[in-house]
Amino acid sequence: NKSQILNQCGQGWSTSYAGSATVDGVKVSKVHQNSSNESNTYYIESGQTPFIVRVSGNPSSKNSGDLVFSDFNVQPTIAAPAGAIPISQFEQ
């Protein structure tokens, strides 16, 4: 819920609920954070598991931009590449 998400945000940041929206058809809650150095908006999926689906930086900042997590809630396929050597063989 909104209160739990806001309580888990970093210290030294001013954090506030910024409303709701839709990102690629997914209903999200927007959480806005400000610090003395930067400003970001987090778009958090409104379902059972609150995945972050997008982060937007302050458009007036030189480091602004969007980071979109398009594969949230998808379990990755993890497999070693062909010819991989286990790191345990290098430990002494």
PDB file of N, CA and C in Angstrom:
ATOM      1  N   ASN A   1       0.834  -1.185   0.000  1.00  0.00           N
ATOM      2  CA  ASN A   1       0.000   0.000   0.000  1.00  0.00           C
ATOM      3  C   ASN A   1       0.878   1.248   0.000  1.00  0.00           C
ATOM      4  N   LYS A   2       0.280   2.390  -0.191  1.00  0.00           N
ATOM      5  CA  LYS A   2       1.035   3.640  -0.310  1.00  0.00           C
ATOM      6  C   LYS A   2       1.873   3.920   0.925  1.00  0.00           C
ATOM      7  N   SER A   3       1.323   3.702   2.109  1.00  0.00           N
ATOM      8  CA  SER A   3       2.056   4.002   3.339  1.00  0.00           C
ATOM      9  C   SER A   3       3.308   3.148   3.465  1.00  0.00           C
ATOM     10  N   GLN A   4       3.208   1.857   3.162  1.00  0.00           N
ATOM     11  CA  GLN A   4       4.373   0.977   3.250  1.00  0.00           C
ATOM     12  C   GLN A   4       5.455   1.390   2.269  1.00  0.00           C
ATOM     13  N   ILE A   5       5.080   1.734   1.059  1.00  0.00           N
ATOM     14  CA  ILE A   5       6.052   2.149   0.056  1.00  0.00           C
ATOM     15  C   ILE A   5       6.751   3.429   0.496  1.00  0.00           C
ATOM     16  N   LEU A   6       6.001   4.416   0.970  1.00  0.00           N
ATOM     17  CA  LEU A   6       6.606   5.678   1.390  1.00  0.00           C
ATOM     18  C   LEU A   6       7.512   5.490   2.593  1.00  0.00           C
ATOM     19  N   ASN A   7       7.152   4.582   3.515  1.00  0.00           N
ATOM     20  CA  ASN A   7       7.989   4.331   4.691  1.00  0.00           C
ATOM     21  C   ASN A   7       9.305   3.657   4.335  1.00  0.00           C
ATOM     22  N   GLN A   8       9.362   2.949   3.220  1.00  0.00           N
ATOM     23  CA  GLN A   8      10.568   2.242   2.820  1.00  0.00           C
ATOM     24  C   GLN A   8      11.502   3.101   1.977  1.00  0.00           C
ATOM     25  N   CYS A   9      11.104   4.304   1.629  1.00  0.00           N
ATOM     26  CA  CYS A   9      11.941   5.182   0.817  1.00  0.00           C
ATOM     27  C   CYS A   9      13.099   5.725   1.640  1.00  0.00           C
ATOM     28  N   GLY A  10      14.170   6.095   0.958  1.00  0.00           N
ATOM     29  CA  GLY A  10      15.410   6.516   1.599  1.00  0.00           C
ATOM     30  C   GLY A  10      15.285   7.738   2.490  1.00  0.00           C
ATOM     31  N   GLN A  11      16.155   7.794   3.487  1.00  0.00           N
ATOM     32  CA  GLN A  11      16.197   8.947   4.376  1.00  0.00           C
ATOM     33  C   GLN A  11      16.939  10.078   3.679  1.00  0.00           C
ATOM     34  N   GLY A  12      16.639  11.298   4.055  1.00  0.00           N
ATOM     35  CA  GLY A  12      17.248  12.444   3.406  1.00  0.00           C
ATOM     36  C   GLY A  12      16.489  12.873   2.160  1.00  0.00           C
ATOM     37  N   TRP A  13      15.414  12.172   1.860  1.00  0.00           N
ATOM     38  CA  TRP A  13      14.578  12.470   0.705  1.00  0.00           C
ATOM     39  C   TRP A  13      13.226  12.943   1.191  1.00  0.00           C
ATOM     40  N   SER A  14      12.656  13.873   0.479  1.00  0.00           N
ATOM     41  CA  SER A  14      11.269  14.258   0.697  1.00  0.00           C
ATOM     42  C   SER A  14      10.449  13.380  -0.233  1.00  0.00           C
ATOM     43  N   THR A  15       9.573  12.557   0.337  1.00  0.00           N
ATOM     44  CA  THR A  15       8.826  11.583  -0.445  1.00  0.00           C
ATOM     45  C   THR A  15       7.338  11.850  -0.337  1.00  0.00           C
ATOM     46  N   SER A  16       6.635  11.784  -1.483  1.00  0.00           N
ATOM     47  CA  SER A  16       5.192  12.024  -1.464  1.00  0.00           C
ATOM     48  C   SER A  16       4.492  11.184  -2.526  1.00  0.00           C
ATOM     49  N   TYR A  17       3.251  10.861  -2.235  1.00  0.00           N
ATOM     50  CA  TYR A  17       2.398  10.173  -3.197  1.00  0.00           C
ATOM     51  C   TYR A  17       2.006  11.190  -4.262  1.00  0.00           C
ATOM     52  N   ALA A  18       2.160  10.821  -5.551  1.00  0.00           N
ATOM     53  CA  ALA A  18       1.916  11.777  -6.635  1.00  0.00           C
ATOM     54  C   ALA A  18       0.747  11.369  -7.533  1.00  0.00           C
ATOM     55  N   GLY A  19      -0.104  10.477  -7.068  1.00  0.00           N
ATOM     56  CA  GLY A  19      -1.274  10.094  -7.843  1.00  0.00           C
ATOM     57  C   GLY A  19      -1.122   8.747  -8.523  1.00  0.00           C
ATOM     58  N   SER A  20      -2.018   8.489  -9.451  1.00  0.00           N
ATOM     59  CA  SER A  20      -1.998   7.219 -10.177  1.00  0.00           C
ATOM     60  C   SER A  20      -1.853   7.499 -11.666  1.00  0.00           C
ATOM     61  N   ALA A  21      -1.470   6.456 -12.401  1.00  0.00           N
ATOM     62  CA  ALA A  21      -1.269   6.586 -13.847  1.00  0.00           C
ATOM     63  C   ALA A  21      -1.320   5.192 -14.452  1.00  0.00           C
ATOM     64  N   THR A  22      -1.038   5.107 -15.737  1.00  0.00           N
ATOM     65  CA  THR A  22      -0.933   3.844 -16.445  1.00  0.00           C
ATOM     66  C   THR A  22       0.365   3.865 -17.242  1.00  0.00           C
ATOM     67  N   VAL A  23       1.151   2.801 -17.124  1.00  0.00           N
ATOM     68  CA  VAL A  23       2.394   2.658 -17.883  1.00  0.00           C
ATOM     69  C   VAL A  23       2.264   1.387 -18.707  1.00  0.00           C
ATOM     70  N   ASP A  24       2.245   1.512 -20.023  1.00  0.00           N
ATOM     71  CA  ASP A  24       2.105   0.366 -20.931  1.00  0.00           C
ATOM     72  C   ASP A  24       0.936  -0.535 -20.536  1.00  0.00           C
ATOM     73  N   GLY A  25      -0.187   0.069 -20.175  1.00  0.00           N
ATOM     74  CA  GLY A  25      -1.388  -0.685 -19.829  1.00  0.00           C
ATOM     75  C   GLY A  25      -1.430  -1.196 -18.398  1.00  0.00           C
ATOM     76  N   VAL A  26      -0.403  -0.897 -17.594  1.00  0.00           N
ATOM     77  CA  VAL A  26      -0.341  -1.353 -16.206  1.00  0.00           C
ATOM     78  C   VAL A  26      -0.703  -0.186 -15.285  1.00  0.00           C
ATOM     79  N   LYS A  27      -1.663  -0.420 -14.384  1.00  0.00           N
ATOM     80  CA  LYS A  27      -2.040   0.614 -13.429  1.00  0.00           C
ATOM     81  C   LYS A  27      -0.929   0.765 -12.400  1.00  0.00           C
ATOM     82  N   VAL A  28      -0.515   2.014 -12.158  1.00  0.00           N
ATOM     83  CA  VAL A  28       0.587   2.282 -11.240  1.00  0.00           C
ATOM     84  C   VAL A  28       0.242   3.417 -10.288  1.00  0.00           C
ATOM     85  N   SER A  29       0.956   3.447  -9.166  1.00  0.00           N
ATOM     86  CA  SER A  29       0.949   4.578  -8.255  1.00  0.00           C
ATOM     87  C   SER A  29       2.251   5.322  -8.475  1.00  0.00           C
ATOM     88  N   LYS A  30       2.182   6.648  -8.433  1.00  0.00           N
ATOM     89  CA  LYS A  30       3.389   7.452  -8.621  1.00  0.00           C
ATOM     90  C   LYS A  30       3.873   7.946  -7.261  1.00  0.00           C
ATOM     91  N   VAL A  31       5.166   7.769  -7.027  1.00  0.00           N
ATOM     92  CA  VAL A  31       5.799   8.249  -5.804  1.00  0.00           C
ATOM     93  C   VAL A  31       6.907   9.192  -6.234  1.00  0.00           C
ATOM     94  N   HIS A  32       6.884  10.410  -5.694  1.00  0.00           N
ATOM     95  CA  HIS A  32       7.870  11.416  -6.078  1.00  0.00           C
ATOM     96  C   HIS A  32       8.834  11.630  -4.923  1.00  0.00           C
ATOM     97  N   GLN A  33      10.139  11.676  -5.240  1.00  0.00           N
ATOM     98  CA  GLN A  33      11.168  11.921  -4.233  1.00  0.00           C
ATOM     99  C   GLN A  33      12.033  13.104  -4.650  1.00  0.00           C
ATOM    100  N   ASN A  34      12.351  13.939  -3.681  1.00  0.00           N
ATOM    101  CA  ASN A  34      13.256  15.070  -3.881  1.00  0.00           C
ATOM    102  C   ASN A  34      14.360  14.998  -2.848  1.00  0.00           C
ATOM    103  N   SER A  35      15.565  15.336  -3.257  1.00  0.00           N
ATOM    104  CA  SER A  35      16.666  15.565  -2.326  1.00  0.00           C
ATOM    105  C   SER A  35      17.301  16.872  -2.756  1.00  0.00           C
ATOM    106  N   SER A  36      18.359  17.260  -2.082  1.00  0.00           N
ATOM    107  CA  SER A  36      19.020  18.506  -2.465  1.00  0.00           C
ATOM    108  C   SER A  36      19.708  18.372  -3.820  1.00  0.00           C
ATOM    109  N   ASN A  37      19.962  17.129  -4.278  1.00  0.00           N
ATOM    110  CA  ASN A  37      20.699  16.909  -5.527  1.00  0.00           C
ATOM    111  C   ASN A  37      19.868  16.417  -6.696  1.00  0.00           C
ATOM    112  N   GLU A  38      18.769  15.753  -6.439  1.00  0.00           N
ATOM    113  CA  GLU A  38      17.994  15.200  -7.552  1.00  0.00           C
ATOM    114  C   GLU A  38      16.523  15.040  -7.205  1.00  0.00           C
ATOM    115  N   SER A  39      15.761  14.745  -8.236  1.00  0.00           N
ATOM    116  CA  SER A  39      14.326  14.580  -8.116  1.00  0.00           C
ATOM    117  C   SER A  39      13.909  13.442  -9.044  1.00  0.00           C
ATOM    118  N   ASN A  40      13.182  12.469  -8.522  1.00  0.00           N
ATOM    119  CA  ASN A  40      12.760  11.315  -9.312  1.00  0.00           C
ATOM    120  C   ASN A  40      11.300  10.988  -9.043  1.00  0.00           C
ATOM    121  N   THR A  41      10.649  10.398 -10.037  1.00  0.00           N
ATOM    122  CA  THR A  41       9.297   9.876  -9.866  1.00  0.00           C
ATOM    123  C   THR A  41       9.344   8.388 -10.160  1.00  0.00           C
ATOM    124  N   TYR A  42       8.810   7.596  -9.233  1.00  0.00           N
ATOM    125  CA  TYR A  42       8.766   6.139  -9.365  1.00  0.00           C
ATOM    126  C   TYR A  42       7.339   5.726  -9.681  1.00  0.00           C
ATOM    127  N   TYR A  43       7.181   4.883 -10.679  1.00  0.00           N
ATOM    128  CA  TYR A  43       5.873   4.361 -11.082  1.00  0.00           C
ATOM    129  C   TYR A  43       5.829   2.919 -10.597  1.00  0.00           C
ATOM    130  N   ILE A  44       4.964   2.639  -9.636  1.00  0.00           N
ATOM    131  CA  ILE A  44       4.962   1.359  -8.947  1.00  0.00           C
ATOM    132  C   ILE A  44       3.655   0.632  -9.228  1.00  0.00           C
ATOM    133  N   GLU A  45       3.769  -0.597  -9.715  1.00  0.00           N
ATOM    134  CA  GLU A  45       2.618  -1.418 -10.099  1.00  0.00           C
ATOM    135  C   GLU A  45       1.656  -1.513  -8.925  1.00  0.00           C
ATOM    136  N   SER A  46       0.370  -1.349  -9.203  1.00  0.00           N
ATOM    137  CA  SER A  46      -0.641  -1.270  -8.154  1.00  0.00           C
ATOM    138  C   SER A  46      -1.225  -2.616  -7.750  1.00  0.00           C
ATOM    139  N   GLY A  47      -0.704  -3.717  -8.242  1.00  0.00           N
ATOM    140  CA  GLY A  47      -1.250  -5.038  -7.933  1.00  0.00           C
ATOM    141  C   GLY A  47      -0.714  -5.607  -6.635  1.00  0.00           C
ATOM    142  N   GLN A  48      -0.758  -6.934  -6.518  1.00  0.00           N
ATOM    143  CA  GLN A  48      -0.349  -7.647  -5.302  1.00  0.00           C
ATOM    144  C   GLN A  48       1.127  -7.420  -4.963  1.00  0.00           C
ATOM    145  N   THR A  49       1.987  -7.417  -5.976  1.00  0.00           N
ATOM    146  CA  THR A  49       3.415  -7.232  -5.771  1.00  0.00           C
ATOM    147  C   THR A  49       3.811  -5.888  -6.362  1.00  0.00           C
ATOM    148  N   PRO A  50       4.235  -4.935  -5.545  1.00  0.00           N
ATOM    149  CA  PRO A  50       4.486  -3.583  -6.037  1.00  0.00           C
ATOM    150  C   PRO A  50       5.830  -3.437  -6.769  1.00  0.00           C
ATOM    151  N   PHE A  51       5.894  -3.947  -7.999  1.00  0.00           N
ATOM    152  CA  PHE A  51       7.099  -3.818  -8.811  1.00  0.00           C
ATOM    153  C   PHE A  51       7.245  -2.380  -9.294  1.00  0.00           C
ATOM    154  N   ILE A  52       8.488  -1.885  -9.329  1.00  0.00           N
ATOM    155  CA  ILE A  52       8.753  -0.596  -9.966  1.00  0.00           C
ATOM    156  C   ILE A  52       8.779  -0.859 -11.462  1.00  0.00           C
ATOM    157  N   VAL A  53       7.937  -0.168 -12.225  1.00  0.00           N
ATOM    158  CA  VAL A  53       7.883  -0.388 -13.671  1.00  0.00           C
ATOM    159  C   VAL A  53       8.532   0.739 -14.463  1.00  0.00           C
ATOM    160  N   ARG A  54       8.756   1.900 -13.800  1.00  0.00           N
ATOM    161  CA  ARG A  54       9.391   3.017 -14.499  1.00  0.00           C
ATOM    162  C   ARG A  54       9.950   3.995 -13.469  1.00  0.00           C
ATOM    163  N   VAL A  55      11.087   4.598 -13.800  1.00  0.00           N
ATOM    164  CA  VAL A  55      11.667   5.670 -12.987  1.00  0.00           C
ATOM    165  C   VAL A  55      11.930   6.826 -13.937  1.00  0.00           C
ATOM    166  N   SER A  56      11.477   8.007 -13.564  1.00  0.00           N
ATOM    167  CA  SER A  56      11.689   9.201 -14.383  1.00  0.00           C
ATOM    168  C   SER A  56      12.457  10.230 -13.579  1.00  0.00           C
ATOM    169  N   GLY A  57      13.525  10.742 -14.173  1.00  0.00           N
ATOM    170  CA  GLY A  57      14.290  11.801 -13.534  1.00  0.00           C
ATOM    171  C   GLY A  57      13.661  13.151 -13.813  1.00  0.00           C
ATOM    172  N   ASN A  58      14.098  14.142 -13.095  1.00  0.00           N
ATOM    173  CA  ASN A  58      13.614  15.505 -13.262  1.00  0.00           C
ATOM    174  C   ASN A  58      13.965  15.997 -14.662  1.00  0.00           C
ATOM    175  N   PRO A  59      12.989  16.404 -15.457  1.00  0.00           N
ATOM    176  CA  PRO A  59      13.276  16.837 -16.827  1.00  0.00           C
ATOM    177  C   PRO A  59      14.168  18.065 -16.920  1.00  0.00           C
ATOM    178  N   SER A  60      14.279  18.848 -15.849  1.00  0.00           N
ATOM    179  CA  SER A  60      15.132  20.036 -15.898  1.00  0.00           C
ATOM    180  C   SER A  60      16.574  19.726 -15.495  1.00  0.00           C
ATOM    181  N   SER A  61      16.853  18.482 -15.131  1.00  0.00           N
ATOM    182  CA  SER A  61      18.202  18.085 -14.724  1.00  0.00           C
ATOM    183  C   SER A  61      18.983  17.564 -15.916  1.00  0.00           C
ATOM    184  N   LYS A  62      20.303  17.761 -15.898  1.00  0.00           N
ATOM    185  CA  LYS A  62      21.126  17.257 -17.005  1.00  0.00           C
ATOM    186  C   LYS A  62      21.166  15.731 -17.028  1.00  0.00           C
ATOM    187  N   ASN A  63      20.846  15.087 -15.906  1.00  0.00           N
ATOM    188  CA  ASN A  63      20.845  13.627 -15.828  1.00  0.00           C
ATOM    189  C   ASN A  63      19.428  13.064 -15.887  1.00  0.00           C
ATOM    190  N   SER A  64      18.518  13.763 -16.553  1.00  0.00           N
ATOM    191  CA  SER A  64      17.133  13.313 -16.596  1.00  0.00           C
ATOM    192  C   SER A  64      16.973  12.176 -17.597  1.00  0.00           C
ATOM    193  N   GLY A  65      15.863  11.522 -17.522  1.00  0.00           N
ATOM    194  CA  GLY A  65      15.556  10.448 -18.449  1.00  0.00           C
ATOM    195  C   GLY A  65      14.597   9.468 -17.814  1.00  0.00           C
ATOM    196  N   ASP A  66      14.230   8.453 -18.574  1.00  0.00           N
ATOM    197  CA  ASP A  66      13.316   7.415 -18.108  1.00  0.00           C
ATOM    198  C   ASP A  66      14.016   6.069 -18.134  1.00  0.00           C
ATOM    199  N   LEU A  67      13.741   5.278 -17.134  1.00  0.00           N
ATOM    200  CA  LEU A  67      14.194   3.895 -17.091  1.00  0.00           C
ATOM    201  C   LEU A  67      12.927   3.056 -16.963  1.00  0.00           C
ATOM    202  N   VAL A  68      12.645   2.238 -17.977  1.00  0.00           N
ATOM    203  CA  VAL A  68      11.418   1.436 -17.998  1.00  0.00           C
ATOM    204  C   VAL A  68      11.787  -0.024 -17.810  1.00  0.00           C
ATOM    205  N   PHE A  69      11.148  -0.660 -16.835  1.00  0.00           N
ATOM    206  CA  PHE A  69      11.345  -2.083 -16.565  1.00  0.00           C
ATOM    207  C   PHE A  69      10.200  -2.839 -17.229  1.00  0.00           C
ATOM    208  N   SER A  70      10.403  -3.264 -18.463  1.00  0.00           N
ATOM    209  CA  SER A  70       9.317  -3.853 -19.236  1.00  0.00           C
ATOM    210  C   SER A  70       9.053  -5.316 -18.887  1.00  0.00           C
ATOM    211  N   ASP A  71      10.008  -6.009 -18.280  1.00  0.00           N
ATOM    212  CA  ASP A  71       9.835  -7.430 -17.979  1.00  0.00           C
ATOM    213  C   ASP A  71       9.634  -7.696 -16.494  1.00  0.00           C
ATOM    214  N   PHE A  72       9.024  -6.745 -15.767  1.00  0.00           N
ATOM    215  CA  PHE A  72       8.771  -6.995 -14.354  1.00  0.00           C
ATOM    216  C   PHE A  72       7.804  -8.159 -14.225  1.00  0.00           C
ATOM    217  N   ASN A  73       7.885  -8.863 -13.128  1.00  0.00           N
ATOM    218  CA  ASN A  73       7.028 -10.020 -12.832  1.00  0.00           C
ATOM    219  C   ASN A  73       7.253 -11.180 -13.795  1.00  0.00           C
ATOM    220  N   VAL A  74       8.417 -11.215 -14.467  1.00  0.00           N
ATOM    221  CA  VAL A  74       8.761 -12.311 -15.364  1.00  0.00           C
ATOM    222  C   VAL A  74      10.007 -12.983 -14.800  1.00  0.00           C
ATOM    223  N   GLN A  75       9.922 -14.270 -14.556  1.00  0.00           N
ATOM    224  CA  GLN A  75      11.064 -15.010 -14.026  1.00  0.00           C
ATOM    225  C   GLN A  75      12.101 -15.186 -15.131  1.00  0.00           C
ATOM    226  N   PRO A  76      13.343 -14.730 -14.914  1.00  0.00           N
ATOM    227  CA  PRO A  76      14.351 -14.866 -15.964  1.00  0.00           C
ATOM    228  C   PRO A  76      14.789 -16.310 -16.145  1.00  0.00           C
ATOM    229  N   THR A  77      15.221 -16.635 -17.350  1.00  0.00           N
ATOM    230  CA  THR A  77      15.815 -17.935 -17.627  1.00  0.00           C
ATOM    231  C   THR A  77      17.304 -17.782 -17.386  1.00  0.00           C
ATOM    232  N   ILE A  78      17.828 -18.528 -16.431  1.00  0.00           N
ATOM    233  CA  ILE A  78      19.236 -18.410 -16.080  1.00  0.00           C
ATOM    234  C   ILE A  78      19.930 -19.707 -16.470  1.00  0.00           C
ATOM    235  N   ALA A  79      20.901 -19.602 -17.356  1.00  0.00           N
ATOM    236  CA  ALA A  79      21.672 -20.763 -17.781  1.00  0.00           C
ATOM    237  C   ALA A  79      23.083 -20.298 -18.100  1.00  0.00           C
ATOM    238  N   ALA A  80      24.059 -21.123 -17.759  1.00  0.00           N
ATOM    239  CA  ALA A  80      25.451 -20.790 -18.063  1.00  0.00           C
ATOM    240  C   ALA A  80      25.670 -20.868 -19.565  1.00  0.00           C
ATOM    241  N   PRO A  81      26.459 -19.954 -20.118  1.00  0.00           N
ATOM    242  CA  PRO A  81      26.749 -20.024 -21.550  1.00  0.00           C
ATOM    243  C   PRO A  81      27.607 -21.243 -21.868  1.00  0.00           C
ATOM    244  N   ALA A  82      27.565 -21.673 -23.096  1.00  0.00           N
ATOM    245  CA  ALA A  82      28.361 -22.839 -23.522  1.00  0.00           C
ATOM    246  C   ALA A  82      29.833 -22.578 -23.212  1.00  0.00           C
ATOM    247  N   GLY A  83      30.502 -23.559 -22.643  1.00  0.00           N
ATOM    248  CA  GLY A  83      31.924 -23.457 -22.355  1.00  0.00           C
ATOM    249  C   GLY A  83      32.263 -22.694 -21.088  1.00  0.00           C
ATOM    250  N   ALA A  84      31.278 -22.347 -20.297  1.00  0.00           N
ATOM    251  CA  ALA A  84      31.527 -21.594 -19.071  1.00  0.00           C
ATOM    252  C   ALA A  84      32.284 -22.441 -18.072  1.00  0.00           C
ATOM    253  N   ILE A  85      33.196 -21.829 -17.338  1.00  0.00           N
ATOM    254  CA  ILE A  85      33.982 -22.514 -16.315  1.00  0.00           C
ATOM    255  C   ILE A  85      33.492 -22.033 -14.954  1.00  0.00           C
ATOM    256  N   PRO A  86      33.066 -22.945 -14.073  1.00  0.00           N
ATOM    257  CA  PRO A  86      32.573 -22.524 -12.752  1.00  0.00           C
ATOM    258  C   PRO A  86      33.656 -21.764 -11.986  1.00  0.00           C
ATOM    259  N   ILE A  87      33.272 -20.688 -11.335  1.00  0.00           N
ATOM    260  CA  ILE A  87      34.226 -19.879 -10.594  1.00  0.00           C
ATOM    261  C   ILE A  87      34.882 -20.666  -9.471  1.00  0.00           C
ATOM    262  N   SER A  88      34.215 -21.706  -8.988  1.00  0.00           N
ATOM    263  CA  SER A  88      34.784 -22.527  -7.899  1.00  0.00           C
ATOM    264  C   SER A  88      36.107 -23.160  -8.327  1.00  0.00           C
ATOM    265  N   GLN A  89      36.344 -23.325  -9.610  1.00  0.00           N
ATOM    266  CA  GLN A  89      37.604 -23.900 -10.093  1.00  0.00           C
ATOM    267  C   GLN A  89      38.763 -22.921  -9.927  1.00  0.00           C
ATOM    268  N   PHE A  90      38.464 -21.641  -9.728  1.00  0.00           N
ATOM    269  CA  PHE A  90      39.509 -20.632  -9.604  1.00  0.00           C
ATOM    270  C   PHE A  90      39.816 -20.285  -8.150  1.00  0.00           C
ATOM    271  N   GLU A  91      38.992 -20.746  -7.232  1.00  0.00           N
ATOM    272  CA  GLU A  91      39.205 -20.431  -5.823  1.00  0.00           C
ATOM    273  C   GLU A  91      40.366 -21.249  -5.286  1.00  0.00           C
ATOM    274  N   GLN A  92      41.127 -20.623  -4.403  1.00  0.00           N
ATOM    275  CA  GLN A  92      42.289 -21.326  -3.814  1.00  0.00           C
ATOM    276  C   GLN A  92      42.115 -21.490  -2.349  1.00  0.00           C
TER     277      GLN A  92
END
